[in-house]
Amino acid sequence: MKVSVFYNGEKHESFPPSATVKRILKWAIKAFNITPADAADMLLALKGNVNDELPLDAHIGSFTNHNECAVSLCLTAPVEVNG
């Protein structure tokens, strides 16, 4: 299945539906050349719903539409509220 990740641009890679979110997160961090310090807080969310972090142990195939064999994700950091 095609996985697209957005973060200051877009990267694509093919993964089996059984690939975990953790595996894709590791790939995305490397693909975007994110430093280890910045990568420590990164997470993946479905594009268009960046407030819902995907569980690291979930299979990416569970987030696809049955009519499509693709998923679009956003690589982001958690929102921190200062107050």
N, C-alpha and C. Protein backbone atom coordinates (compact mmCIF):
# COMPACT_ATOMS: atom_id res chain seq x y z
N MET A 1 0.83 -1.17 0.00
CA MET A 1 0.00 0.00 0.00
C MET A 1 0.88 1.23 0.00
N LYS A 2 0.39 2.30 -0.58
CA LYS A 2 1.14 3.55 -0.67
C LYS A 2 0.89 4.38 0.59
N VAL A 3 1.96 4.80 1.22
CA VAL A 3 1.88 5.67 2.39
C VAL A 3 2.53 7.00 2.03
N SER A 4 1.80 8.08 2.21
CA SER A 4 2.31 9.43 2.00
C SER A 4 2.42 10.11 3.34
N VAL A 5 3.58 10.73 3.58
CA VAL A 5 3.79 11.45 4.84
C VAL A 5 4.13 12.90 4.48
N PHE A 6 3.45 13.82 5.16
CA PHE A 6 3.65 15.25 4.93
C PHE A 6 4.36 15.87 6.13
N TYR A 7 5.45 16.61 5.81
CA TYR A 7 6.20 17.34 6.83
C TYR A 7 7.18 18.22 6.07
N ASN A 8 6.90 19.48 5.94
CA ASN A 8 7.76 20.36 5.13
C ASN A 8 8.01 19.74 3.76
N GLY A 9 6.99 19.24 3.17
CA GLY A 9 7.07 18.53 1.90
C GLY A 9 6.32 17.22 2.01
N GLU A 10 6.56 16.34 1.05
CA GLU A 10 5.84 15.07 1.02
C GLU A 10 6.80 13.96 0.61
N LYS A 11 6.70 12.82 1.26
CA LYS A 11 7.48 11.63 0.93
C LYS A 11 6.51 10.47 0.78
N HIS A 12 6.83 9.55 -0.13
CA HIS A 12 5.99 8.37 -0.38
C HIS A 12 6.83 7.11 -0.23
N GLU A 13 6.18 6.07 0.23
CA GLU A 13 6.84 4.76 0.32
C GLU A 13 5.75 3.70 0.32
N SER A 14 6.07 2.51 -0.12
CA SER A 14 5.14 1.40 -0.08
C SER A 14 5.44 0.54 1.14
N PHE A 15 4.40 0.17 1.85
CA PHE A 15 4.49 -0.69 3.03
C PHE A 15 3.39 -1.73 2.94
N PRO A 16 3.60 -2.90 3.52
CA PRO A 16 2.51 -3.86 3.61
C PRO A 16 1.46 -3.35 4.60
N PRO A 17 0.21 -3.72 4.46
CA PRO A 17 -0.82 -3.27 5.40
C PRO A 17 -0.52 -3.67 6.85
N SER A 18 0.30 -4.69 7.03
CA SER A 18 0.64 -5.14 8.38
C SER A 18 1.75 -4.32 9.03
N ALA A 19 2.35 -3.38 8.30
CA ALA A 19 3.40 -2.55 8.88
C ALA A 19 2.83 -1.72 10.03
N THR A 20 3.60 -1.59 11.09
CA THR A 20 3.12 -0.81 12.23
C THR A 20 3.38 0.68 12.02
N VAL A 21 2.62 1.47 12.74
CA VAL A 21 2.81 2.92 12.72
C VAL A 21 4.23 3.25 13.18
N LYS A 22 4.74 2.51 14.14
CA LYS A 22 6.10 2.74 14.64
C LYS A 22 7.12 2.58 13.52
N ARG A 23 6.97 1.56 12.70
CA ARG A 23 7.89 1.34 11.58
C ARG A 23 7.84 2.50 10.59
N ILE A 24 6.64 2.97 10.30
CA ILE A 24 6.49 4.08 9.36
C ILE A 24 7.02 5.37 9.96
N LEU A 25 6.83 5.57 11.25
CA LEU A 25 7.38 6.75 11.93
C LEU A 25 8.90 6.77 11.82
N LYS A 26 9.54 5.63 12.06
CA LYS A 26 11.00 5.55 11.95
C LYS A 26 11.45 5.88 10.53
N TRP A 27 10.74 5.34 9.54
CA TRP A 27 11.08 5.62 8.15
C TRP A 27 10.92 7.12 7.85
N ALA A 28 9.82 7.72 8.29
CA ALA A 28 9.55 9.14 8.00
C ALA A 28 10.61 10.04 8.64
N ILE A 29 11.00 9.74 9.86
CA ILE A 29 12.03 10.54 10.53
C ILE A 29 13.33 10.50 9.73
N LYS A 30 13.68 9.33 9.25
CA LYS A 30 14.89 9.20 8.44
C LYS A 30 14.72 9.89 7.08
N ALA A 31 13.56 9.71 6.44
CA ALA A 31 13.32 10.28 5.11
C ALA A 31 13.37 11.81 5.12
N PHE A 32 12.94 12.43 6.21
CA PHE A 32 12.96 13.89 6.30
C PHE A 32 14.21 14.42 7.01
N ASN A 33 15.16 13.53 7.30
CA ASN A 33 16.43 13.94 7.93
C ASN A 33 16.22 14.72 9.22
N ILE A 34 15.36 14.23 10.07
CA ILE A 34 15.07 14.89 11.35
C ILE A 34 16.11 14.45 12.37
N THR A 35 16.64 15.40 13.12
CA THR A 35 17.66 15.09 14.11
C THR A 35 17.08 14.24 15.23
N PRO A 36 17.92 13.44 15.89
CA PRO A 36 17.42 12.62 17.01
C PRO A 36 16.76 13.46 18.10
N ALA A 37 17.28 14.63 18.38
CA ALA A 37 16.67 15.49 19.41
C ALA A 37 15.26 15.91 19.01
N ASP A 38 15.07 16.29 17.76
CA ASP A 38 13.74 16.69 17.29
C ASP A 38 12.82 15.49 17.12
N ALA A 39 13.38 14.35 16.77
CA ALA A 39 12.58 13.15 16.52
C ALA A 39 11.97 12.56 17.78
N ALA A 40 12.52 12.87 18.92
CA ALA A 40 12.08 12.26 20.18
C ALA A 40 10.59 12.48 20.45
N ASP A 41 10.05 13.62 20.02
CA ASP A 41 8.65 13.95 20.30
C ASP A 41 7.73 13.79 19.09
N MET A 42 8.24 13.30 17.98
CA MET A 42 7.44 13.24 16.76
C MET A 42 6.40 12.12 16.84
N LEU A 43 5.30 12.32 16.12
CA LEU A 43 4.24 11.33 16.04
C LEU A 43 3.59 11.41 14.68
N LEU A 44 2.79 10.42 14.36
CA LEU A 44 2.05 10.40 13.10
C LEU A 44 0.56 10.53 13.39
N ALA A 45 -0.11 11.26 12.52
CA ALA A 45 -1.57 11.43 12.60
C ALA A 45 -2.11 11.37 11.18
N LEU A 46 -3.36 11.02 11.05
CA LEU A 46 -4.00 11.03 9.74
C LEU A 46 -4.07 12.45 9.22
N LYS A 47 -3.78 12.63 7.94
CA LYS A 47 -3.85 13.97 7.34
C LYS A 47 -5.29 14.47 7.46
N GLY A 48 -5.45 15.68 7.91
CA GLY A 48 -6.77 16.25 8.11
C GLY A 48 -7.29 16.06 9.52
N ASN A 49 -6.56 15.31 10.35
CA ASN A 49 -6.97 15.09 11.73
C ASN A 49 -5.72 14.99 12.61
N VAL A 50 -4.90 16.04 12.58
CA VAL A 50 -3.58 16.00 13.21
C VAL A 50 -3.62 16.00 14.73
N ASN A 51 -4.79 16.16 15.32
CA ASN A 51 -4.88 16.14 16.78
C ASN A 51 -5.01 14.74 17.35
N ASP A 52 -5.20 13.74 16.51
CA ASP A 52 -5.35 12.36 16.96
C ASP A 52 -4.11 11.54 16.59
N GLU A 53 -3.27 11.31 17.56
CA GLU A 53 -2.05 10.53 17.37
C GLU A 53 -2.39 9.08 17.07
N LEU A 54 -1.71 8.50 16.10
CA LEU A 54 -1.92 7.09 15.78
C LEU A 54 -1.13 6.23 16.76
N PRO A 55 -1.72 5.16 17.28
CA PRO A 55 -1.00 4.27 18.20
C PRO A 55 0.16 3.59 17.48
N LEU A 56 1.32 3.55 18.12
CA LEU A 56 2.53 3.01 17.50
C LEU A 56 2.43 1.54 17.14
N ASP A 57 1.64 0.78 17.88
CA ASP A 57 1.53 -0.65 17.60
C ASP A 57 0.41 -1.01 16.62
N ALA A 58 -0.31 -0.01 16.12
CA ALA A 58 -1.40 -0.25 15.17
C ALA A 58 -0.85 -0.58 13.79
N HIS A 59 -1.57 -1.41 13.04
CA HIS A 59 -1.21 -1.75 11.67
C HIS A 59 -1.74 -0.66 10.75
N ILE A 60 -0.90 -0.20 9.84
CA ILE A 60 -1.27 0.93 8.98
C ILE A 60 -2.47 0.59 8.09
N GLY A 61 -2.64 -0.66 7.76
CA GLY A 61 -3.77 -1.06 6.92
C GLY A 61 -5.11 -0.80 7.56
N SER A 62 -5.15 -0.68 8.88
CA SER A 62 -6.43 -0.43 9.57
C SER A 62 -6.89 1.02 9.40
N PHE A 63 -6.07 1.88 8.82
CA PHE A 63 -6.44 3.29 8.65
C PHE A 63 -6.79 3.63 7.21
N THR A 64 -6.87 2.62 6.34
CA THR A 64 -7.20 2.88 4.95
C THR A 64 -8.68 2.73 4.71
N ASN A 65 -9.13 3.36 3.67
CA ASN A 65 -10.49 3.20 3.18
C ASN A 65 -10.53 1.89 2.41
N HIS A 66 -11.60 1.14 2.49
CA HIS A 66 -11.69 -0.15 1.82
C HIS A 66 -11.57 -0.04 0.30
N ASN A 67 -11.87 1.12 -0.26
CA ASN A 67 -11.79 1.32 -1.71
C ASN A 67 -10.41 1.74 -2.17
N GLU A 68 -9.54 2.10 -1.24
CA GLU A 68 -8.22 2.59 -1.59
C GLU A 68 -7.15 1.76 -0.89
N CYS A 69 -6.01 1.73 -1.50
CA CYS A 69 -4.88 1.03 -0.88
C CYS A 69 -3.78 2.07 -0.62
N ALA A 70 -4.18 3.15 0.06
CA ALA A 70 -3.26 4.25 0.33
C ALA A 70 -3.73 4.97 1.59
N VAL A 71 -2.77 5.66 2.23
CA VAL A 71 -3.10 6.46 3.40
C VAL A 71 -2.18 7.68 3.40
N SER A 72 -2.72 8.82 3.83
CA SER A 72 -1.95 10.05 3.95
C SER A 72 -1.83 10.42 5.41
N LEU A 73 -0.59 10.67 5.83
CA LEU A 73 -0.29 10.96 7.23
C LEU A 73 0.46 12.28 7.35
N CYS A 74 0.41 12.84 8.54
CA CYS A 74 1.20 14.03 8.87
C CYS A 74 2.17 13.65 9.98
N LEU A 75 3.40 14.05 9.79
CA LEU A 75 4.42 13.90 10.82
C LEU A 75 4.43 15.20 11.61
N THR A 76 4.22 15.11 12.90
CA THR A 76 4.06 16.31 13.70
C THR A 76 4.58 16.07 15.11
N ALA A 77 4.58 17.12 15.89
CA ALA A 77 4.94 17.02 17.32
C ALA A 77 3.69 17.32 18.12
N PRO A 78 3.58 16.79 19.33
CA PRO A 78 2.39 17.07 20.14
C PRO A 78 2.26 18.57 20.42
N VAL A 79 1.03 19.02 20.48
CA VAL A 79 0.75 20.42 20.81
C VAL A 79 0.95 20.62 22.31
N GLU A 80 1.77 21.58 22.66
CA GLU A 80 2.01 21.87 24.07
C GLU A 80 1.27 23.15 24.45
N VAL A 81 0.55 23.08 25.53
CA VAL A 81 -0.19 24.25 26.00
C VAL A 81 0.59 24.85 27.17
N ASN A 82 0.96 26.09 27.01
CA ASN A 82 1.66 26.80 28.09
C ASN A 82 0.65 27.64 28.84
N GLY A 83 0.66 27.53 30.12
CA GLY A 83 -0.32 28.32 30.83
C GLY A 83 -0.09 28.34 32.22
